[in-house]
Amino acid sequence: MKNIKLVNCTPHDVSLITEKGNITFPRSGIIPRLTEQQNKINSINSNGIEIDIMEKSFNEVEGLPEPQENTIYIVSALVAGAAKDRDDLLIPNDTVRDEQGRIVGCRNLAKI
């Protein structure tokens, strides 16, 4: 089995908690995102306050590194879903929570 470099492209450290051991991938500072577009489609009134209702769409991925040999990028589900043609993108999966319900890690990584 060859050694694969994992690059965490999320804004948070990713801690894998497994039966075979734990490992944390610190955030790399590379944070790919989707460009967004929004348009007002309606408004509603609640307790005398007008609230705009927007239609929001996510478009192209920006800031995603080019594929590199033996390298996998940990990204958000939105980014992975928008770049389905890439086979080097994984997302944190099967989250682990503490007693207060805060996410403290994940059990594995997944492909979308």
N, C-alpha and C. Protein backbone atom coordinates (compact mmCIF):
# COMPACT_ATOMS: atom_id res chain seq x y z
N MET A 1 0.84 -1.16 0.00
CA MET A 1 0.00 0.00 0.00
C MET A 1 0.90 1.24 0.00
N LYS A 2 0.66 2.17 -0.96
CA LYS A 2 1.51 3.35 -1.02
C LYS A 2 1.03 4.42 -0.05
N ASN A 3 1.97 5.24 0.38
CA ASN A 3 1.68 6.31 1.33
C ASN A 3 1.04 7.47 0.58
N ILE A 4 -0.09 7.94 1.08
CA ILE A 4 -0.83 9.03 0.46
C ILE A 4 -0.74 10.26 1.36
N LYS A 5 -0.46 11.40 0.75
CA LYS A 5 -0.45 12.66 1.48
C LYS A 5 -1.88 13.19 1.54
N LEU A 6 -2.36 13.54 2.74
CA LEU A 6 -3.68 14.13 2.91
C LEU A 6 -3.51 15.61 3.26
N VAL A 7 -4.18 16.46 2.49
CA VAL A 7 -4.12 17.91 2.70
C VAL A 7 -5.51 18.37 3.12
N ASN A 8 -5.60 18.94 4.31
CA ASN A 8 -6.87 19.39 4.84
C ASN A 8 -7.19 20.78 4.29
N CYS A 9 -8.17 20.84 3.40
CA CYS A 9 -8.60 22.10 2.78
C CYS A 9 -9.93 22.56 3.35
N THR A 10 -10.13 22.35 4.66
CA THR A 10 -11.30 22.87 5.35
C THR A 10 -10.82 23.94 6.32
N PRO A 11 -11.73 24.76 6.85
CA PRO A 11 -11.30 25.80 7.79
C PRO A 11 -11.08 25.29 9.22
N HIS A 12 -11.20 23.98 9.44
CA HIS A 12 -11.05 23.39 10.77
C HIS A 12 -10.07 22.22 10.72
N ASP A 13 -9.38 21.97 11.83
CA ASP A 13 -8.59 20.75 11.91
C ASP A 13 -9.54 19.56 11.78
N VAL A 14 -9.11 18.50 11.12
CA VAL A 14 -9.92 17.29 10.97
C VAL A 14 -9.25 16.17 11.77
N SER A 15 -9.97 15.68 12.78
CA SER A 15 -9.45 14.59 13.62
C SER A 15 -10.15 13.30 13.25
N LEU A 16 -9.38 12.32 12.82
CA LEU A 16 -9.91 10.98 12.53
C LEU A 16 -9.76 10.15 13.80
N ILE A 17 -10.87 9.57 14.22
CA ILE A 17 -10.90 8.74 15.42
C ILE A 17 -11.28 7.34 14.98
N THR A 18 -10.29 6.43 14.97
CA THR A 18 -10.52 5.09 14.46
C THR A 18 -10.11 4.05 15.49
N GLU A 19 -10.51 2.82 15.25
CA GLU A 19 -10.12 1.72 16.14
C GLU A 19 -8.61 1.47 16.09
N LYS A 20 -7.97 1.85 14.99
CA LYS A 20 -6.54 1.60 14.83
C LYS A 20 -5.69 2.78 15.27
N GLY A 21 -6.33 3.85 15.73
CA GLY A 21 -5.59 5.02 16.19
C GLY A 21 -6.25 6.31 15.73
N ASN A 22 -5.77 7.39 16.29
CA ASN A 22 -6.30 8.71 15.96
C ASN A 22 -5.22 9.53 15.26
N ILE A 23 -5.65 10.40 14.37
CA ILE A 23 -4.73 11.30 13.68
C ILE A 23 -5.47 12.59 13.38
N THR A 24 -4.78 13.71 13.55
CA THR A 24 -5.38 15.00 13.24
C THR A 24 -4.65 15.61 12.06
N PHE A 25 -5.44 16.09 11.11
CA PHE A 25 -4.90 16.79 9.94
C PHE A 25 -5.16 18.28 10.14
N PRO A 26 -4.12 19.06 10.43
CA PRO A 26 -4.33 20.49 10.66
C PRO A 26 -4.77 21.18 9.37
N ARG A 27 -5.52 22.24 9.54
CA ARG A 27 -5.96 23.01 8.36
C ARG A 27 -4.73 23.56 7.65
N SER A 28 -4.79 23.51 6.33
CA SER A 28 -3.63 23.90 5.52
C SER A 28 -3.62 25.38 5.18
N GLY A 29 -4.75 26.05 5.38
CA GLY A 29 -4.86 27.45 4.95
C GLY A 29 -5.41 27.57 3.54
N ILE A 30 -5.50 26.44 2.85
CA ILE A 30 -6.11 26.40 1.51
C ILE A 30 -7.59 26.07 1.72
N ILE A 31 -8.47 26.98 1.34
CA ILE A 31 -9.90 26.75 1.56
C ILE A 31 -10.67 27.00 0.26
N PRO A 32 -10.85 25.95 -0.55
CA PRO A 32 -11.63 26.13 -1.78
C PRO A 32 -13.09 26.40 -1.44
N ARG A 33 -13.72 27.20 -2.25
CA ARG A 33 -15.11 27.57 -2.03
C ARG A 33 -15.84 27.57 -3.36
N LEU A 34 -17.16 27.62 -3.26
CA LEU A 34 -17.98 27.76 -4.45
C LEU A 34 -18.39 29.22 -4.60
N THR A 35 -18.34 29.72 -5.82
CA THR A 35 -18.86 31.06 -6.04
C THR A 35 -20.37 31.01 -5.82
N GLU A 36 -20.93 32.11 -5.34
CA GLU A 36 -22.36 32.15 -5.01
C GLU A 36 -23.05 33.24 -5.82
N GLN A 37 -24.32 33.00 -6.07
CA GLN A 37 -25.17 34.00 -6.70
C GLN A 37 -26.49 34.00 -5.95
N GLN A 38 -27.04 35.18 -5.70
CA GLN A 38 -28.33 35.24 -5.03
C GLN A 38 -29.18 36.35 -5.61
N ASN A 39 -30.48 36.09 -5.65
CA ASN A 39 -31.45 37.04 -6.17
C ASN A 39 -32.66 37.05 -5.24
N LYS A 40 -33.20 38.23 -5.01
CA LYS A 40 -34.41 38.34 -4.21
C LYS A 40 -35.58 37.80 -5.02
N ILE A 41 -36.34 36.85 -4.44
CA ILE A 41 -37.49 36.28 -5.16
C ILE A 41 -38.82 36.62 -4.51
N ASN A 42 -38.76 37.10 -3.25
CA ASN A 42 -40.00 37.41 -2.56
C ASN A 42 -39.64 38.12 -1.26
N SER A 43 -40.65 38.50 -0.52
CA SER A 43 -40.45 38.98 0.84
C SER A 43 -41.69 38.61 1.64
N ILE A 44 -41.48 38.46 2.93
CA ILE A 44 -42.60 38.15 3.82
C ILE A 44 -42.58 39.15 4.97
N ASN A 45 -43.70 39.26 5.68
CA ASN A 45 -43.79 40.14 6.83
C ASN A 45 -44.04 39.29 8.05
N SER A 46 -43.21 39.48 9.07
CA SER A 46 -43.38 38.76 10.32
C SER A 46 -43.25 39.76 11.47
N ASN A 47 -44.34 39.92 12.22
CA ASN A 47 -44.34 40.84 13.36
C ASN A 47 -43.92 42.26 12.95
N GLY A 48 -44.37 42.67 11.78
CA GLY A 48 -44.09 44.02 11.31
C GLY A 48 -42.72 44.21 10.69
N ILE A 49 -41.97 43.15 10.54
CA ILE A 49 -40.64 43.25 9.95
C ILE A 49 -40.66 42.56 8.59
N GLU A 50 -40.23 43.28 7.55
CA GLU A 50 -40.15 42.69 6.21
C GLU A 50 -38.85 41.90 6.09
N ILE A 51 -38.99 40.65 5.69
CA ILE A 51 -37.84 39.75 5.54
C ILE A 51 -37.72 39.34 4.08
N ASP A 52 -36.58 39.63 3.47
CA ASP A 52 -36.35 39.24 2.08
C ASP A 52 -36.15 37.73 1.99
N ILE A 53 -36.71 37.12 0.96
CA ILE A 53 -36.51 35.71 0.64
C ILE A 53 -35.65 35.67 -0.62
N MET A 54 -34.52 35.02 -0.48
CA MET A 54 -33.55 34.99 -1.57
C MET A 54 -33.47 33.60 -2.19
N GLU A 55 -33.13 33.57 -3.45
CA GLU A 55 -32.80 32.31 -4.12
C GLU A 55 -31.28 32.31 -4.25
N LYS A 56 -30.66 31.27 -3.73
CA LYS A 56 -29.20 31.21 -3.70
C LYS A 56 -28.73 30.00 -4.49
N SER A 57 -27.72 30.21 -5.31
CA SER A 57 -27.14 29.08 -6.04
C SER A 57 -25.62 29.09 -5.85
N PHE A 58 -25.07 27.91 -5.84
CA PHE A 58 -23.62 27.74 -5.74
C PHE A 58 -23.13 27.32 -7.12
N ASN A 59 -22.07 27.96 -7.57
CA ASN A 59 -21.63 27.75 -8.95
C ASN A 59 -20.28 27.05 -9.02
N GLU A 60 -19.27 27.75 -9.51
CA GLU A 60 -17.98 27.13 -9.77
C GLU A 60 -17.09 27.06 -8.53
N VAL A 61 -16.23 26.06 -8.51
CA VAL A 61 -15.25 25.92 -7.44
C VAL A 61 -14.09 26.86 -7.72
N GLU A 62 -13.67 27.59 -6.67
CA GLU A 62 -12.48 28.43 -6.80
C GLU A 62 -11.53 28.10 -5.65
N GLY A 63 -10.24 28.18 -5.94
CA GLY A 63 -9.23 27.96 -4.90
C GLY A 63 -8.89 26.51 -4.65
N LEU A 64 -9.35 25.59 -5.49
CA LEU A 64 -9.04 24.17 -5.31
C LEU A 64 -7.70 23.86 -5.99
N PRO A 65 -6.76 23.28 -5.24
CA PRO A 65 -5.46 22.96 -5.86
C PRO A 65 -5.61 21.96 -7.00
N GLU A 66 -4.69 22.03 -7.92
CA GLU A 66 -4.65 21.07 -9.02
C GLU A 66 -4.28 19.69 -8.46
N PRO A 67 -4.75 18.62 -9.12
CA PRO A 67 -4.39 17.27 -8.66
C PRO A 67 -2.88 17.09 -8.63
N GLN A 68 -2.42 16.36 -7.61
CA GLN A 68 -1.01 16.00 -7.50
C GLN A 68 -0.92 14.51 -7.20
N GLU A 69 0.11 13.88 -7.73
CA GLU A 69 0.29 12.45 -7.53
C GLU A 69 0.38 12.11 -6.05
N ASN A 70 -0.30 11.04 -5.64
CA ASN A 70 -0.30 10.53 -4.27
C ASN A 70 -0.80 11.54 -3.24
N THR A 71 -1.70 12.44 -3.66
CA THR A 71 -2.24 13.46 -2.76
C THR A 71 -3.76 13.44 -2.80
N ILE A 72 -4.36 13.45 -1.63
CA ILE A 72 -5.81 13.53 -1.47
C ILE A 72 -6.12 14.82 -0.72
N TYR A 73 -7.16 15.52 -1.14
CA TYR A 73 -7.57 16.75 -0.48
C TYR A 73 -8.85 16.50 0.31
N ILE A 74 -8.85 16.90 1.59
CA ILE A 74 -10.06 16.86 2.40
C ILE A 74 -10.76 18.20 2.21
N VAL A 75 -12.00 18.15 1.72
CA VAL A 75 -12.74 19.38 1.39
C VAL A 75 -14.15 19.31 1.97
N SER A 76 -14.89 20.40 1.83
CA SER A 76 -16.29 20.42 2.26
C SER A 76 -17.14 19.58 1.31
N ALA A 77 -18.30 19.19 1.80
CA ALA A 77 -19.23 18.41 0.96
C ALA A 77 -19.69 19.22 -0.24
N LEU A 78 -19.89 20.52 -0.07
CA LEU A 78 -20.30 21.36 -1.21
C LEU A 78 -19.25 21.35 -2.31
N VAL A 79 -17.99 21.51 -1.93
CA VAL A 79 -16.90 21.51 -2.91
C VAL A 79 -16.80 20.15 -3.59
N ALA A 80 -16.82 19.07 -2.81
CA ALA A 80 -16.71 17.73 -3.38
C ALA A 80 -17.87 17.44 -4.33
N GLY A 81 -19.07 17.87 -3.96
CA GLY A 81 -20.23 17.65 -4.81
C GLY A 81 -20.18 18.42 -6.11
N ALA A 82 -19.53 19.59 -6.09
CA ALA A 82 -19.43 20.41 -7.30
C ALA A 82 -18.28 19.97 -8.20
N ALA A 83 -17.37 19.17 -7.66
CA ALA A 83 -16.19 18.74 -8.43
C ALA A 83 -16.17 17.22 -8.53
N LYS A 84 -17.30 16.64 -8.93
CA LYS A 84 -17.42 15.18 -8.98
C LYS A 84 -16.47 14.53 -9.98
N ASP A 85 -15.91 15.32 -10.88
CA ASP A 85 -14.96 14.78 -11.85
C ASP A 85 -13.59 14.52 -11.22
N ARG A 86 -13.38 15.03 -10.01
CA ARG A 86 -12.09 14.84 -9.33
C ARG A 86 -12.16 13.59 -8.47
N ASP A 87 -11.16 12.72 -8.58
CA ASP A 87 -11.13 11.50 -7.76
C ASP A 87 -10.18 11.64 -6.58
N ASP A 88 -9.70 12.87 -6.34
CA ASP A 88 -8.75 13.11 -5.24
C ASP A 88 -9.36 13.95 -4.12
N LEU A 89 -10.70 13.97 -4.02
CA LEU A 89 -11.38 14.76 -2.99
C LEU A 89 -12.17 13.87 -2.06
N LEU A 90 -11.99 14.06 -0.77
CA LEU A 90 -12.73 13.32 0.26
C LEU A 90 -13.30 14.31 1.27
N ILE A 91 -14.35 13.89 1.97
CA ILE A 91 -14.96 14.72 3.00
C ILE A 91 -14.94 13.99 4.34
N PRO A 92 -14.91 14.74 5.46
CA PRO A 92 -15.05 14.08 6.76
C PRO A 92 -16.40 13.37 6.83
N ASN A 93 -16.43 12.19 7.44
CA ASN A 93 -17.66 11.39 7.46
C ASN A 93 -17.83 10.70 8.81
N ASP A 94 -19.07 10.41 9.15
CA ASP A 94 -19.41 9.69 10.38
C ASP A 94 -18.86 10.42 11.61
N THR A 95 -19.41 11.59 11.86
CA THR A 95 -18.89 12.47 12.91
C THR A 95 -19.03 11.87 14.31
N VAL A 96 -18.10 12.26 15.17
CA VAL A 96 -18.08 11.87 16.58
C VAL A 96 -18.33 13.14 17.38
N ARG A 97 -19.27 13.07 18.35
CA ARG A 97 -19.61 14.24 19.16
C ARG A 97 -19.30 14.00 20.63
N ASP A 98 -19.02 15.10 21.35
CA ASP A 98 -18.79 14.98 22.79
C ASP A 98 -20.12 15.06 23.53
N GLU A 99 -20.06 15.10 24.86
CA GLU A 99 -21.26 15.09 25.69
C GLU A 99 -22.17 16.30 25.44
N GLN A 100 -21.59 17.42 25.01
CA GLN A 100 -22.37 18.63 24.73
C GLN A 100 -22.87 18.68 23.29
N GLY A 101 -22.59 17.64 22.51
CA GLY A 101 -23.05 17.59 21.13
C GLY A 101 -22.12 18.25 20.13
N ARG A 102 -20.96 18.71 20.58
CA ARG A 102 -20.00 19.35 19.67
C ARG A 102 -19.23 18.28 18.90
N ILE A 103 -18.99 18.54 17.63
CA ILE A 103 -18.20 17.61 16.80
C ILE A 103 -16.75 17.67 17.25
N VAL A 104 -16.19 16.49 17.56
CA VAL A 104 -14.79 16.40 17.98
C VAL A 104 -13.92 15.64 16.99
N GLY A 105 -14.56 15.01 16.00
CA GLY A 105 -13.82 14.26 15.01
C GLY A 105 -14.76 13.48 14.11
N CYS A 106 -14.15 12.62 13.32
CA CYS A 106 -14.93 11.74 12.45
C CYS A 106 -14.27 10.37 12.43
N ARG A 107 -15.04 9.37 12.03
CA ARG A 107 -14.53 8.01 12.03
C ARG A 107 -13.86 7.60 10.72
N ASN A 108 -14.21 8.31 9.65
CA ASN A 108 -13.66 7.96 8.34
C ASN A 108 -13.82 9.12 7.38
N LEU A 109 -13.37 8.92 6.16
CA LEU A 109 -13.52 9.91 5.09
C LEU A 109 -14.39 9.29 4.02
N ALA A 110 -15.07 10.13 3.24
CA ALA A 110 -15.98 9.62 2.22
C ALA A 110 -15.81 10.37 0.90
N LYS A 111 -16.18 9.70 -0.16
CA LYS A 111 -16.19 10.30 -1.50
C LYS A 111 -17.64 10.58 -1.89
N ILE A 112 -17.87 11.73 -2.48
CA ILE A 112 -19.23 12.06 -2.95
C ILE A 112 -19.32 11.69 -4.42
